[in-house]
């Protein structure tokens, strides 16, 4: 995976090489006048479930859905906002969505049948691609005296929307720092609502596990909120106990007033789908995704850190259509 600190010119050079390879394999880079491609024996509509407004999956899903719509001539892409990573895998398992975004830990736990509150195994869940790291943002009210995670005891804290990956990860972070969830006045709120309450002084802190810059965090920091780093032995132990969570950082000046790097933990995000989707359709969706990736990364900066060479390493089985794309890509390298 490409390191966040890698010089931009190196990143662009690598992107250029991969683009040439994909072009030689017959993949067209998406532009305003891109070529529309047939999607084979595809269903009439592909339902792409994203995330809540203010979160990281929402804008990526909107742009990816628009790009796919331009590329496929006989398939409608329906972009559906959702509660987040947990809600997305639930919708896919239930047959209420076809493709969606989630986190590596959520996907793995669900596929193993260990998702909290769920007795079933999510056996219809399949991988398409590993995406980028999504860091945990811990944002504190402009008027708050909170300086560490332990200071969250007795405070009003937004954990993210119900059934979101953020709520799951935030709970793990609190536990790592010895904070019992019952000692915190937790609120399960959409990110936009949490940001508004934070600025209004009706919330002391909020979590947002999202690609940066996250819209809700942008708005909060512009209004004077500040961010806390997650560091020390609790974070190291958290990474040891949960291999999906690794230490990472949010670059300086990503958010207003945050001139230093914010040290935190992060988890890989995934693009996943339903197992019974047509193989040819998923093959075309996967190929199209990597075709649009260079253009998507121009408006979604964090997407620059997706490593196509590692994209097939999903923690759950790949859909056969995605696996076929990766096998064919290997043949031209």
C-alpha atoms as a PDB file:
ATOM      1  CA  UNK A   1       0.000   0.000   0.000  1.00  0.00           C
ATOM      2  CA  UNK A   2       1.259   3.452  -0.832  1.00  0.00           C
ATOM      3  CA  UNK A   3       2.549   5.341   2.191  1.00  0.00           C
ATOM      4  CA  UNK A   4       0.757   8.605   3.047  1.00  0.00           C
ATOM      5  CA  UNK A   5       4.130  10.363   3.328  1.00  0.00           C
ATOM      6  CA  UNK A   6       5.298   9.392  -0.150  1.00  0.00           C
ATOM      7  CA  UNK A   7       6.150  12.396  -2.391  1.00  0.00           C
ATOM      8  CA  UNK A   8       3.345  13.327  -4.749  1.00  0.00           C
ATOM      9  CA  UNK A   9       5.538  13.046  -7.843  1.00  0.00           C
ATOM     10  CA  UNK A  10       6.315   9.425  -6.968  1.00  0.00           C
ATOM     11  CA  UNK A  11       2.641   8.694  -6.500  1.00  0.00           C
ATOM     12  CA  UNK A  12       1.787  10.263  -9.844  1.00  0.00           C
ATOM     13  CA  UNK A  13       4.552   8.304 -11.569  1.00  0.00           C
ATOM     14  CA  UNK A  14       3.183   5.038 -10.189  1.00  0.00           C
ATOM     15  CA  UNK A  15      -0.317   5.990 -11.204  1.00  0.00           C
ATOM     16  CA  UNK A  16       0.926   6.740 -14.707  1.00  0.00           C
ATOM     17  CA  UNK A  17       2.588   3.331 -15.035  1.00  0.00           C
ATOM     18  CA  UNK A  18      -0.522   1.532 -13.863  1.00  0.00           C
ATOM     19  CA  UNK A  19      -2.708   3.583 -16.167  1.00  0.00           C
ATOM     20  CA  UNK A  20      -0.559   2.627 -19.149  1.00  0.00           C
ATOM     21  CA  UNK A  21      -0.817  -1.047 -18.232  1.00  0.00           C
ATOM     22  CA  UNK A  22      -4.554  -0.824 -17.895  1.00  0.00           C
ATOM     23  CA  UNK A  23      -4.841   1.077 -21.151  1.00  0.00           C
ATOM     24  CA  UNK A  24      -2.873  -1.665 -22.906  1.00  0.00           C
ATOM     25  CA  UNK A  25      -5.339  -4.155 -21.488  1.00  0.00           C
ATOM     26  CA  UNK A  26      -8.201  -2.271 -23.134  1.00  0.00           C
ATOM     27  CA  UNK A  27      -9.451  -0.249 -20.196  1.00  0.00           C
ATOM     28  CA  UNK A  28     -10.494   3.283 -21.037  1.00  0.00           C
ATOM     29  CA  UNK A  29      -9.812   6.110 -18.599  1.00  0.00           C
ATOM     30  CA  UNK A  30     -13.076   7.788 -17.702  1.00  0.00           C
ATOM     31  CA  UNK A  31     -13.501  11.380 -18.798  1.00  0.00           C
ATOM     32  CA  UNK A  32     -16.335  13.666 -19.702  1.00  0.00           C
ATOM     33  CA  UNK A  33     -16.909  11.849 -22.971  1.00  0.00           C
ATOM     34  CA  UNK A  34     -16.017   8.324 -21.855  1.00  0.00           C
ATOM     35  CA  UNK A  35     -16.989   5.259 -23.803  1.00  0.00           C
ATOM     36  CA  UNK A  36     -20.070   3.468 -22.559  1.00  0.00           C
ATOM     37  CA  UNK A  37     -19.665  -0.258 -22.238  1.00  0.00           C
ATOM     38  CA  UNK A  38     -22.175  -3.067 -22.227  1.00  0.00           C
ATOM     39  CA  UNK A  39     -22.353  -4.926 -18.930  1.00  0.00           C
ATOM     40  CA  UNK A  40     -23.357  -8.314 -20.310  1.00  0.00           C
ATOM     41  CA  UNK A  41     -26.164 -10.254 -18.631  1.00  0.00           C
ATOM     42  CA  UNK A  42     -26.520  -7.659 -15.893  1.00  0.00           C
ATOM     43  CA  UNK A  43     -29.605  -6.844 -13.809  1.00  0.00           C
ATOM     44  CA  UNK A  44     -31.482  -3.711 -14.774  1.00  0.00           C
ATOM     45  CA  UNK A  45     -30.340  -1.873 -11.640  1.00  0.00           C
ATOM     46  CA  UNK A  46     -27.228  -2.144  -9.467  1.00  0.00           C
ATOM     47  CA  UNK A  47     -27.899  -0.794  -5.975  1.00  0.00           C
ATOM     48  CA  UNK A  48     -24.754   0.817  -4.549  1.00  0.00           C
ATOM     49  CA  UNK A  49     -25.022   1.455  -0.814  1.00  0.00           C
ATOM     50  CA  UNK A  50     -22.622   4.124   0.455  1.00  0.00           C
ATOM     51  CA  UNK A  51     -22.851   5.744   3.886  1.00  0.00           C
ATOM     52  CA  UNK A  52     -24.344   8.705   5.740  1.00  0.00           C
ATOM     53  CA  UNK A  53     -23.881  12.299   4.570  1.00  0.00           C
ATOM     54  CA  UNK A  54     -20.870  13.782   6.343  1.00  0.00           C
ATOM     55  CA  UNK A  55     -19.033  10.451   6.355  1.00  0.00           C
ATOM     56  CA  UNK A  56     -16.230   9.321   4.069  1.00  0.00           C
ATOM     57  CA  UNK A  57     -18.088   6.687   2.029  1.00  0.00           C
ATOM     58  CA  UNK A  58     -20.881   9.029   0.960  1.00  0.00           C
ATOM     59  CA  UNK A  59     -18.937  11.311  -1.464  1.00  0.00           C
ATOM     60  CA  UNK A  60     -16.887   8.419  -2.865  1.00  0.00           C
ATOM     61  CA  UNK A  61     -20.056   6.451  -3.532  1.00  0.00           C
ATOM     62  CA  UNK A  62     -21.726   9.422  -5.209  1.00  0.00           C
ATOM     63  CA  UNK A  63     -18.801   9.908  -7.578  1.00  0.00           C
ATOM     64  CA  UNK A  64     -18.280   6.219  -8.267  1.00  0.00           C
ATOM     65  CA  UNK A  65     -21.976   5.747  -8.983  1.00  0.00           C
ATOM     66  CA  UNK A  66     -21.938   8.652 -11.425  1.00  0.00           C
ATOM     67  CA  UNK A  67     -18.843   7.271 -13.172  1.00  0.00           C
ATOM     68  CA  UNK A  68     -20.310   3.772 -13.467  1.00  0.00           C
ATOM     69  CA  UNK A  69     -23.542   5.254 -14.838  1.00  0.00           C
ATOM     70  CA  UNK A  70     -21.596   6.953 -17.612  1.00  0.00           C
ATOM     71  CA  UNK A  71     -19.798   3.737 -18.513  1.00  0.00           C
ATOM     72  CA  UNK A  72     -22.622   1.195 -18.617  1.00  0.00           C
ATOM     73  CA  UNK A  73     -25.230   1.444 -21.322  1.00  0.00           C
ATOM     74  CA  UNK A  74     -27.803  -1.090 -20.112  1.00  0.00           C
ATOM     75  CA  UNK A  75     -27.487  -0.942 -16.331  1.00  0.00           C
ATOM     76  CA  UNK A  76     -28.820   1.727 -13.995  1.00  0.00           C
ATOM     77  CA  UNK A  77     -26.657   2.508 -10.960  1.00  0.00           C
ATOM     78  CA  UNK A  78     -28.819   3.424  -7.969  1.00  0.00           C
ATOM     79  CA  UNK A  79     -26.760   5.136  -5.237  1.00  0.00           C
ATOM     80  CA  UNK A  80     -28.299   4.647  -1.799  1.00  0.00           C
ATOM     81  CA  UNK A  81     -27.097   6.500   1.341  1.00  0.00           C
ATOM     82  CA  UNK A  82     -26.996   4.317   4.448  1.00  0.00           C
ATOM     83  CA  UNK A  83     -26.071   4.204   8.106  1.00  0.00           C
ATOM     84  CA  UNK A  84     -22.526   3.050   7.324  1.00  0.00           C
ATOM     85  CA  UNK A  85     -20.323  -0.033   7.122  1.00  0.00           C
ATOM     86  CA  UNK A  86     -22.401  -2.353   9.320  1.00  0.00           C
ATOM     87  CA  UNK A  87     -25.689  -1.314   7.718  1.00  0.00           C
ATOM     88  CA  UNK A  88     -24.154  -1.927   4.287  1.00  0.00           C
ATOM     89  CA  UNK A  89     -23.160  -5.542   4.935  1.00  0.00           C
ATOM     90  CA  UNK A  90     -26.573  -6.152   6.486  1.00  0.00           C
ATOM     91  CA  UNK A  91     -28.280  -4.777   3.367  1.00  0.00           C
ATOM     92  CA  UNK A  92     -26.125  -6.926   1.079  1.00  0.00           C
ATOM     93  CA  UNK A  93     -26.753 -10.064   3.123  1.00  0.00           C
ATOM     94  CA  UNK A  94     -30.498  -9.383   3.126  1.00  0.00           C
ATOM     95  CA  UNK A  95     -30.551  -8.810  -0.636  1.00  0.00           C
ATOM     96  CA  UNK A  96     -31.475  -5.136  -0.279  1.00  0.00           C
ATOM     97  CA  UNK A  97     -28.226  -3.915  -1.886  1.00  0.00           C
ATOM     98  CA  UNK A  98     -25.850  -5.282  -4.520  1.00  0.00           C
ATOM     99  CA  UNK A  99     -22.559  -3.423  -3.955  1.00  0.00           C
ATOM    100  CA  UNK A 100     -21.373  -1.326  -1.038  1.00  0.00           C
ATOM    101  CA  UNK A 101     -18.607   0.060   1.128  1.00  0.00           C
ATOM    102  CA  UNK A 102     -17.530  -1.265   4.501  1.00  0.00           C
ATOM    103  CA  UNK A 103     -14.471  -1.747   6.698  1.00  0.00           C
ATOM    104  CA  UNK A 104     -12.153  -4.752   6.811  1.00  0.00           C
ATOM    105  CA  UNK A 105     -12.959  -5.560  10.442  1.00  0.00           C
ATOM    106  CA  UNK A 106     -16.714  -5.293   9.888  1.00  0.00           C
ATOM    107  CA  UNK A 107     -16.600  -7.511   6.788  1.00  0.00           C
ATOM    108  CA  UNK A 108     -14.466 -10.172   8.447  1.00  0.00           C
ATOM    109  CA  UNK A 109     -16.485 -10.282  11.668  1.00  0.00           C
ATOM    110  CA  UNK A 110     -19.766 -10.434   9.732  1.00  0.00           C
ATOM    111  CA  UNK A 111     -18.526 -13.187   7.414  1.00  0.00           C
ATOM    112  CA  UNK A 112     -17.415 -15.200  10.439  1.00  0.00           C
ATOM    113  CA  UNK A 113     -20.826 -14.777  12.071  1.00  0.00           C
ATOM    114  CA  UNK A 114     -19.511 -12.725  15.000  1.00  0.00           C
ATOM    115  CA  UNK A 115     -21.132  -9.355  14.326  1.00  0.00           C
ATOM    116  CA  UNK A 116     -22.622  -7.942  17.529  1.00  0.00           C
ATOM    117  CA  UNK A 117     -26.363  -8.460  17.709  1.00  0.00           C
ATOM    118  CA  UNK A 118     -26.341 -10.910  14.777  1.00  0.00           C
ATOM    119  CA  UNK A 119     -26.470 -14.682  15.154  1.00  0.00           C
ATOM    120  CA  UNK A 120     -26.202 -15.377  11.423  1.00  0.00           C
ATOM    121  CA  UNK A 121     -23.179 -15.848   9.187  1.00  0.00           C
ATOM    122  CA  UNK A 122     -23.024 -13.288   6.376  1.00  0.00           C
ATOM    123  CA  UNK A 123     -22.396 -15.938   3.736  1.00  0.00           C
ATOM    124  CA  UNK A 124     -23.581 -13.785   0.814  1.00  0.00           C
ATOM    125  CA  UNK A 125     -20.791 -11.258   1.352  1.00  0.00           C
ATOM    126  CA  UNK A 126     -17.960 -11.177  -1.208  1.00  0.00           C
ATOM    127  CA  UNK A 127     -15.006  -8.851  -1.815  1.00  0.00           C
ATOM    128  CA  UNK A 128     -14.312  -6.656  -4.823  1.00  0.00           C
ATOM    129  CA  UNK A 129     -11.345  -4.555  -3.685  1.00  0.00           C
ATOM    130  CA  UNK A 130      -9.337  -3.287  -0.737  1.00  0.00           C
ATOM    131  CA  UNK A 131      -9.482   0.492  -0.832  1.00  0.00           C
ATOM    132  CA  UNK A 132      -7.604   3.022   1.301  1.00  0.00           C
ATOM    133  CA  UNK A 133      -6.905   3.392   5.002  1.00  0.00           C
ATOM    134  CA  UNK A 134      -9.662   5.175   6.888  1.00  0.00           C
ATOM    135  CA  UNK A 135      -8.343   6.865  10.048  1.00  0.00           C
ATOM    136  CA  UNK A 136     -10.343   7.369  13.220  1.00  0.00           C
ATOM    137  CA  UNK A 137     -11.077  11.061  13.805  1.00  0.00           C
ATOM    138  CA  UNK A 138     -11.741  12.114  17.395  1.00  0.00           C
ATOM    139  CA  UNK A 139     -13.029  15.685  17.297  1.00  0.00           C
ATOM    140  CA  UNK A 140     -13.538  17.791  20.415  1.00  0.00           C
ATOM    141  CA  UNK A 141     -15.813  20.779  20.966  1.00  0.00           C
ATOM    142  CA  UNK A 142     -14.160  24.228  20.711  1.00  0.00           C
ATOM    143  CA  UNK A 143     -15.064  24.969  24.351  1.00  0.00           C
ATOM    144  CA  UNK A 144     -14.195  21.555  25.785  1.00  0.00           C
ATOM    145  CA  UNK A 145     -11.291  20.860  28.154  1.00  0.00           C
ATOM    146  CA  UNK A 146     -10.946  17.276  26.918  1.00  0.00           C
ATOM    147  CA  UNK A 147      -7.289  16.411  26.310  1.00  0.00           C
ATOM    148  CA  UNK A 148      -7.219  12.598  26.301  1.00  0.00           C
ATOM    149  CA  UNK A 149      -9.592   9.724  25.595  1.00  0.00           C
ATOM    150  CA  UNK A 150      -9.853   9.105  29.328  1.00  0.00           C
ATOM    151  CA  UNK A 151     -11.380  12.581  29.723  1.00  0.00           C
ATOM    152  CA  UNK A 152     -14.446  11.328  27.822  1.00  0.00           C
ATOM    153  CA  UNK A 153     -15.838   9.737  31.005  1.00  0.00           C
ATOM    154  CA  UNK A 154     -19.121  11.421  31.847  1.00  0.00           C
ATOM    155  CA  UNK A 155     -19.082  13.444  28.599  1.00  0.00           C
ATOM    156  CA  UNK A 156     -21.549  13.527  25.712  1.00  0.00           C
ATOM    157  CA  UNK A 157     -19.875  11.671  22.846  1.00  0.00           C
ATOM    158  CA  UNK A 158     -21.165  10.965  19.352  1.00  0.00           C
ATOM    159  CA  UNK A 159     -20.178   7.445  18.298  1.00  0.00           C
ATOM    160  CA  UNK A 160     -21.495   7.729  14.748  1.00  0.00           C
ATOM    161  CA  UNK A 161     -24.789   6.537  13.254  1.00  0.00           C
ATOM    162  CA  UNK A 162     -26.451   3.328  14.457  1.00  0.00           C
ATOM    163  CA  UNK A 163     -25.068   0.220  12.702  1.00  0.00           C
ATOM    164  CA  UNK A 164     -21.997   2.105  11.496  1.00  0.00           C
ATOM    165  CA  UNK A 165     -18.395   0.944  11.420  1.00  0.00           C
ATOM    166  CA  UNK A 166     -17.478   4.091  13.333  1.00  0.00           C
ATOM    167  CA  UNK A 167     -19.615   3.065  16.324  1.00  0.00           C
ATOM    168  CA  UNK A 168     -17.932  -0.341  16.395  1.00  0.00           C
ATOM    169  CA  UNK A 169     -14.393   1.078  16.193  1.00  0.00           C
ATOM    170  CA  UNK A 170     -15.080   3.928  18.642  1.00  0.00           C
ATOM    171  CA  UNK A 171     -16.160   1.389  21.246  1.00  0.00           C
ATOM    172  CA  UNK A 172     -12.875  -0.496  20.802  1.00  0.00           C
ATOM    173  CA  UNK A 173     -10.888   2.738  21.196  1.00  0.00           C
ATOM    174  CA  UNK A 174     -12.690   3.617  24.432  1.00  0.00           C
ATOM    175  CA  UNK A 175     -12.063   0.137  25.818  1.00  0.00           C
ATOM    176  CA  UNK A 176      -8.368   0.325  24.883  1.00  0.00           C
ATOM    177  CA  UNK A 177      -8.007   3.439  27.032  1.00  0.00           C
ATOM    178  CA  UNK A 178      -9.840   1.817  29.943  1.00  0.00           C
ATOM    179  CA  UNK A 179     -13.052   3.777  29.439  1.00  0.00           C
ATOM    180  CA  UNK A 180     -16.172   1.700  30.021  1.00  0.00           C
ATOM    181  CA  UNK A 181     -18.843   2.470  27.457  1.00  0.00           C
ATOM    182  CA  UNK A 182     -21.361   2.812  30.316  1.00  0.00           C
ATOM    183  CA  UNK A 183     -19.286   5.642  31.778  1.00  0.00           C
ATOM    184  CA  UNK A 184     -19.792   7.756  28.652  1.00  0.00           C
ATOM    185  CA  UNK A 185     -22.971   9.539  27.651  1.00  0.00           C
ATOM    186  CA  UNK A 186     -22.945   8.067  24.175  1.00  0.00           C
ATOM    187  CA  UNK A 187     -25.189   9.218  21.362  1.00  0.00           C
ATOM    188  CA  UNK A 188     -25.650   7.404  18.041  1.00  0.00           C
ATOM    189  CA  UNK A 189     -26.017  10.259  15.576  1.00  0.00           C
ATOM    190  CA  UNK A 190     -25.542  10.909  11.871  1.00  0.00           C
ATOM    191  CA  UNK A 191     -22.229  12.685  11.339  1.00  0.00           C
ATOM    192  CA  UNK A 192     -23.828  15.918  10.149  1.00  0.00           C
ATOM    193  CA  UNK A 193     -26.072  16.076  13.224  1.00  0.00           C
ATOM    194  CA  UNK A 194     -23.144  15.285  15.529  1.00  0.00           C
ATOM    195  CA  UNK A 195     -21.084  18.095  13.973  1.00  0.00           C
ATOM    196  CA  UNK A 196     -23.918  20.597  14.488  1.00  0.00           C
ATOM    197  CA  UNK A 197     -24.392  19.585  18.117  1.00  0.00           C
ATOM    198  CA  UNK A 198     -20.638  19.704  18.715  1.00  0.00           C
ATOM    199  CA  UNK A 199     -20.415  23.300  17.514  1.00  0.00           C
ATOM    200  CA  UNK A 200     -23.583  24.282  19.388  1.00  0.00           C
ATOM    201  CA  UNK A 201     -22.099  22.960  22.644  1.00  0.00           C
ATOM    202  CA  UNK A 202     -24.612  20.116  22.964  1.00  0.00           C
ATOM    203  CA  UNK A 203     -21.957  17.449  22.347  1.00  0.00           C
ATOM    204  CA  UNK A 204     -18.466  17.285  23.833  1.00  0.00           C
ATOM    205  CA  UNK A 205     -16.771  15.049  21.280  1.00  0.00           C
ATOM    206  CA  UNK A 206     -17.487  12.945  18.216  1.00  0.00           C
ATOM    207  CA  UNK A 207     -15.875  10.022  16.408  1.00  0.00           C
ATOM    208  CA  UNK A 208     -15.767   9.700  12.637  1.00  0.00           C
ATOM    209  CA  UNK A 209     -13.947   6.783  11.001  1.00  0.00           C
ATOM    210  CA  UNK A 210     -13.628   8.107   7.479  1.00  0.00           C
ATOM    211  CA  UNK A 211     -11.309   8.896   4.609  1.00  0.00           C
ATOM    212  CA  UNK A 212      -9.924  12.365   4.924  1.00  0.00           C
ATOM    213  CA  UNK A 213     -10.993  15.046   4.562  1.00  0.00           C
ATOM    214  CA  UNK A 214     -14.339  14.011   6.088  1.00  0.00           C
ATOM    215  CA  UNK A 215     -17.048  16.599   5.471  1.00  0.00           C
ATOM    216  CA  UNK A 216     -18.343  16.628   9.046  1.00  0.00           C
ATOM    217  CA  UNK A 217     -14.818  17.109  10.421  1.00  0.00           C
ATOM    218  CA  UNK A 218     -14.109  19.874   7.905  1.00  0.00           C
ATOM    219  CA  UNK A 219     -17.167  21.794   9.094  1.00  0.00           C
ATOM    220  CA  UNK A 220     -16.375  21.215  12.766  1.00  0.00           C
ATOM    221  CA  UNK A 221     -12.752  22.359  12.556  1.00  0.00           C
ATOM    222  CA  UNK A 222     -13.708  25.423  10.521  1.00  0.00           C
ATOM    223  CA  UNK A 223     -15.900  26.380  13.479  1.00  0.00           C
ATOM    224  CA  UNK A 224     -13.076  25.960  15.996  1.00  0.00           C
ATOM    225  CA  UNK A 225     -13.258  22.291  16.984  1.00  0.00           C
ATOM    226  CA  UNK A 226      -9.938  20.537  17.464  1.00  0.00           C
ATOM    227  CA  UNK A 227      -8.718  16.978  17.059  1.00  0.00           C
ATOM    228  CA  UNK A 228      -7.129  14.602  19.550  1.00  0.00           C
ATOM    229  CA  UNK A 229      -4.335  12.205  18.709  1.00  0.00           C
ATOM    230  CA  UNK A 230      -4.615   8.562  19.741  1.00  0.00           C
ATOM    231  CA  UNK A 231      -1.157   7.491  20.905  1.00  0.00           C
ATOM    232  CA  UNK A 232       0.710   5.492  23.501  1.00  0.00           C
ATOM    233  CA  UNK A 233       0.583   1.945  24.794  1.00  0.00           C
ATOM    234  CA  UNK A 234      -3.248   1.675  24.612  1.00  0.00           C
ATOM    235  CA  UNK A 235      -3.078   2.221  20.858  1.00  0.00           C
ATOM    236  CA  UNK A 236      -0.200  -0.228  20.437  1.00  0.00           C
ATOM    237  CA  UNK A 237      -2.106  -2.838  22.440  1.00  0.00           C
ATOM    238  CA  UNK A 238      -5.239  -2.157  20.404  1.00  0.00           C
ATOM    239  CA  UNK A 239      -3.316  -2.862  17.209  1.00  0.00           C
ATOM    240  CA  UNK A 240      -1.967  -6.098  18.668  1.00  0.00           C
ATOM    241  CA  UNK A 241      -5.398  -7.261  19.784  1.00  0.00           C
ATOM    242  CA  UNK A 242      -7.168  -6.265  16.568  1.00  0.00           C
ATOM    243  CA  UNK A 243      -4.842  -6.713  13.568  1.00  0.00           C
ATOM    244  CA  UNK A 244      -7.264  -4.861  11.299  1.00  0.00           C
ATOM    245  CA  UNK A 245      -6.570  -1.671  13.289  1.00  0.00           C
ATOM    246  CA  UNK A 246      -3.154  -0.157  12.684  1.00  0.00           C
ATOM    247  CA  UNK A 247      -1.423   3.026  13.725  1.00  0.00           C
ATOM    248  CA  UNK A 248      -1.606   5.717  11.072  1.00  0.00           C
ATOM    249  CA  UNK A 249      -1.789   9.492  10.789  1.00  0.00           C
ATOM    250  CA  UNK A 250      -3.800  12.282   9.240  1.00  0.00           C
ATOM    251  CA  UNK A 251      -1.434  14.674   7.417  1.00  0.00           C
ATOM    252  CA  UNK A 252      -0.978  18.229   8.712  1.00  0.00           C
ATOM    253  CA  UNK A 253      -3.216  20.957   7.304  1.00  0.00           C
ATOM    254  CA  UNK A 254      -5.852  18.459   6.231  1.00  0.00           C
ATOM    255  CA  UNK A 255      -8.264  20.355   8.473  1.00  0.00           C
ATOM    256  CA  UNK A 256      -8.531  24.004   9.459  1.00  0.00           C
ATOM    257  CA  UNK A 257      -6.313  24.889  12.400  1.00  0.00           C
ATOM    258  CA  UNK A 258      -4.671  21.444  12.500  1.00  0.00           C
ATOM    259  CA  UNK A 259      -1.107  22.257  11.470  1.00  0.00           C
ATOM    260  CA  UNK A 260       0.507  19.079  12.839  1.00  0.00           C
ATOM    261  CA  UNK A 261      -0.028  15.454  11.880  1.00  0.00           C
ATOM    262  CA  UNK A 262      -2.720  13.740  13.935  1.00  0.00           C
ATOM    263  CA  UNK A 263      -1.622  10.303  15.126  1.00  0.00           C
ATOM    264  CA  UNK A 264      -4.454   7.813  15.305  1.00  0.00           C
ATOM    265  CA  UNK A 265      -5.521   4.314  14.286  1.00  0.00           C
ATOM    266  CA  UNK A 266      -7.098   3.299  11.026  1.00  0.00           C
ATOM    267  CA  UNK A 267      -8.648   0.372   9.226  1.00  0.00           C
ATOM    268  CA  UNK A 268      -8.795  -0.529   5.553  1.00  0.00           C
ATOM    269  CA  UNK A 269     -12.047   0.118   3.747  1.00  0.00           C
ATOM    270  CA  UNK A 270     -13.471  -2.309   1.219  1.00  0.00           C
ATOM    271  CA  UNK A 271     -15.727  -2.426  -1.797  1.00  0.00           C
ATOM    272  CA  UNK A 272     -17.912  -5.532  -1.404  1.00  0.00           C
ATOM    273  CA  UNK A 273     -20.850  -7.145  -3.173  1.00  0.00           C
ATOM    274  CA  UNK A 274     -23.406  -9.927  -3.034  1.00  0.00           C
ATOM    275  CA  UNK A 275     -22.244 -13.438  -3.908  1.00  0.00           C
ATOM    276  CA  UNK A 276     -25.071 -14.157  -6.361  1.00  0.00           C
ATOM    277  CA  UNK A 277     -24.376 -11.168  -8.626  1.00  0.00           C
ATOM    278  CA  UNK A 278     -23.588 -12.174 -12.192  1.00  0.00           C
ATOM    279  CA  UNK A 279     -19.886 -12.943 -12.659  1.00  0.00           C
ATOM    280  CA  UNK A 280     -19.670 -10.932 -15.870  1.00  0.00           C
ATOM    281  CA  UNK A 281     -21.281  -7.919 -14.243  1.00  0.00           C
ATOM    282  CA  UNK A 282     -18.896  -7.924 -11.253  1.00  0.00           C
ATOM    283  CA  UNK A 283     -15.938  -8.378 -13.620  1.00  0.00           C
ATOM    284  CA  UNK A 284     -16.987  -5.264 -15.560  1.00  0.00           C
ATOM    285  CA  UNK A 285     -17.685  -3.276 -12.385  1.00  0.00           C
ATOM    286  CA  UNK A 286     -14.258  -4.169 -10.997  1.00  0.00           C
ATOM    287  CA  UNK A 287     -12.476  -3.290 -14.218  1.00  0.00           C
ATOM    288  CA  UNK A 288     -14.412  -0.035 -14.473  1.00  0.00           C
ATOM    289  CA  UNK A 289     -13.584   0.846 -10.865  1.00  0.00           C
ATOM    290  CA  UNK A 290      -9.848   0.733 -11.515  1.00  0.00           C
ATOM    291  CA  UNK A 291     -10.387   2.594 -14.756  1.00  0.00           C
ATOM    292  CA  UNK A 292     -12.044   5.522 -12.971  1.00  0.00           C
ATOM    293  CA  UNK A 293      -9.706   5.475  -9.981  1.00  0.00           C
ATOM    294  CA  UNK A 294      -7.182   8.016 -11.359  1.00  0.00           C
ATOM    295  CA  UNK A 295      -9.935  10.533 -12.077  1.00  0.00           C
ATOM    296  CA  UNK A 296     -11.740   9.878  -8.791  1.00  0.00           C
ATOM    297  CA  UNK A 297      -8.513  10.489  -6.880  1.00  0.00           C
ATOM    298  CA  UNK A 298      -8.369  14.032  -8.262  1.00  0.00           C
ATOM    299  CA  UNK A 299     -11.421  14.975  -6.180  1.00  0.00           C
ATOM    300  CA  UNK A 300     -10.983  12.405  -3.382  1.00  0.00           C
ATOM    301  CA  UNK A 301      -7.409  12.903  -2.228  1.00  0.00           C
ATOM    302  CA  UNK A 302      -7.248   9.829   0.022  1.00  0.00           C
ATOM    303  CA  UNK A 303      -7.994   7.558  -2.952  1.00  0.00           C
ATOM    304  CA  UNK A 304      -4.460   8.289  -4.167  1.00  0.00           C
ATOM    305  CA  UNK A 305      -3.257   5.849  -1.530  1.00  0.00           C
ATOM    306  CA  UNK A 306      -5.091   2.819  -2.918  1.00  0.00           C
ATOM    307  CA  UNK A 307      -2.550   0.274  -4.094  1.00  0.00           C
ATOM    308  CA  UNK A 308      -3.995  -1.714  -7.029  1.00  0.00           C
ATOM    309  CA  UNK A 309      -1.360  -4.384  -6.428  1.00  0.00           C
ATOM    310  CA  UNK A 310      -2.848  -5.111  -2.987  1.00  0.00           C
ATOM    311  CA  UNK A 311      -6.501  -4.554  -3.850  1.00  0.00           C
ATOM    312  CA  UNK A 312      -7.305  -8.249  -4.176  1.00  0.00           C
ATOM    313  CA  UNK A 313      -6.222  -9.009  -0.569  1.00  0.00           C
ATOM    314  CA  UNK A 314      -9.715  -8.761   0.920  1.00  0.00           C
ATOM    315  CA  UNK A 315     -10.292 -10.459   4.319  1.00  0.00           C
ATOM    316  CA  UNK A 316     -13.311 -12.271   2.867  1.00  0.00           C
ATOM    317  CA  UNK A 317     -13.478 -14.349  -0.348  1.00  0.00           C
ATOM    318  CA  UNK A 318     -13.397 -12.414  -3.597  1.00  0.00           C
ATOM    319  CA  UNK A 319     -16.384 -12.545  -5.889  1.00  0.00           C
ATOM    320  CA  UNK A 320     -15.468 -14.723  -8.861  1.00  0.00           C
ATOM    321  CA  UNK A 321     -15.986 -11.790 -11.238  1.00  0.00           C
ATOM    322  CA  UNK A 322     -13.467  -9.680  -9.309  1.00  0.00           C
ATOM    323  CA  UNK A 323     -11.066 -12.626  -9.078  1.00  0.00           C
ATOM    324  CA  UNK A 324     -11.201 -13.018 -12.870  1.00  0.00           C
ATOM    325  CA  UNK A 325     -10.272  -9.358 -13.308  1.00  0.00           C
ATOM    326  CA  UNK A 326      -7.230  -9.701 -11.027  1.00  0.00           C
ATOM    327  CA  UNK A 327      -6.103 -12.898 -12.761  1.00  0.00           C
ATOM    328  CA  UNK A 328      -6.271 -11.230 -16.160  1.00  0.00           C
ATOM    329  CA  UNK A 329      -4.474  -8.149 -14.897  1.00  0.00           C
ATOM    330  CA  UNK A 330      -1.614 -10.327 -13.696  1.00  0.00           C
ATOM    331  CA  UNK A 331      -1.186 -11.713 -17.196  1.00  0.00           C
ATOM    332  CA  UNK A 332      -0.320  -8.288 -18.633  1.00  0.00           C
ATOM    333  CA  UNK A 333       2.208  -7.325 -15.977  1.00  0.00           C
END
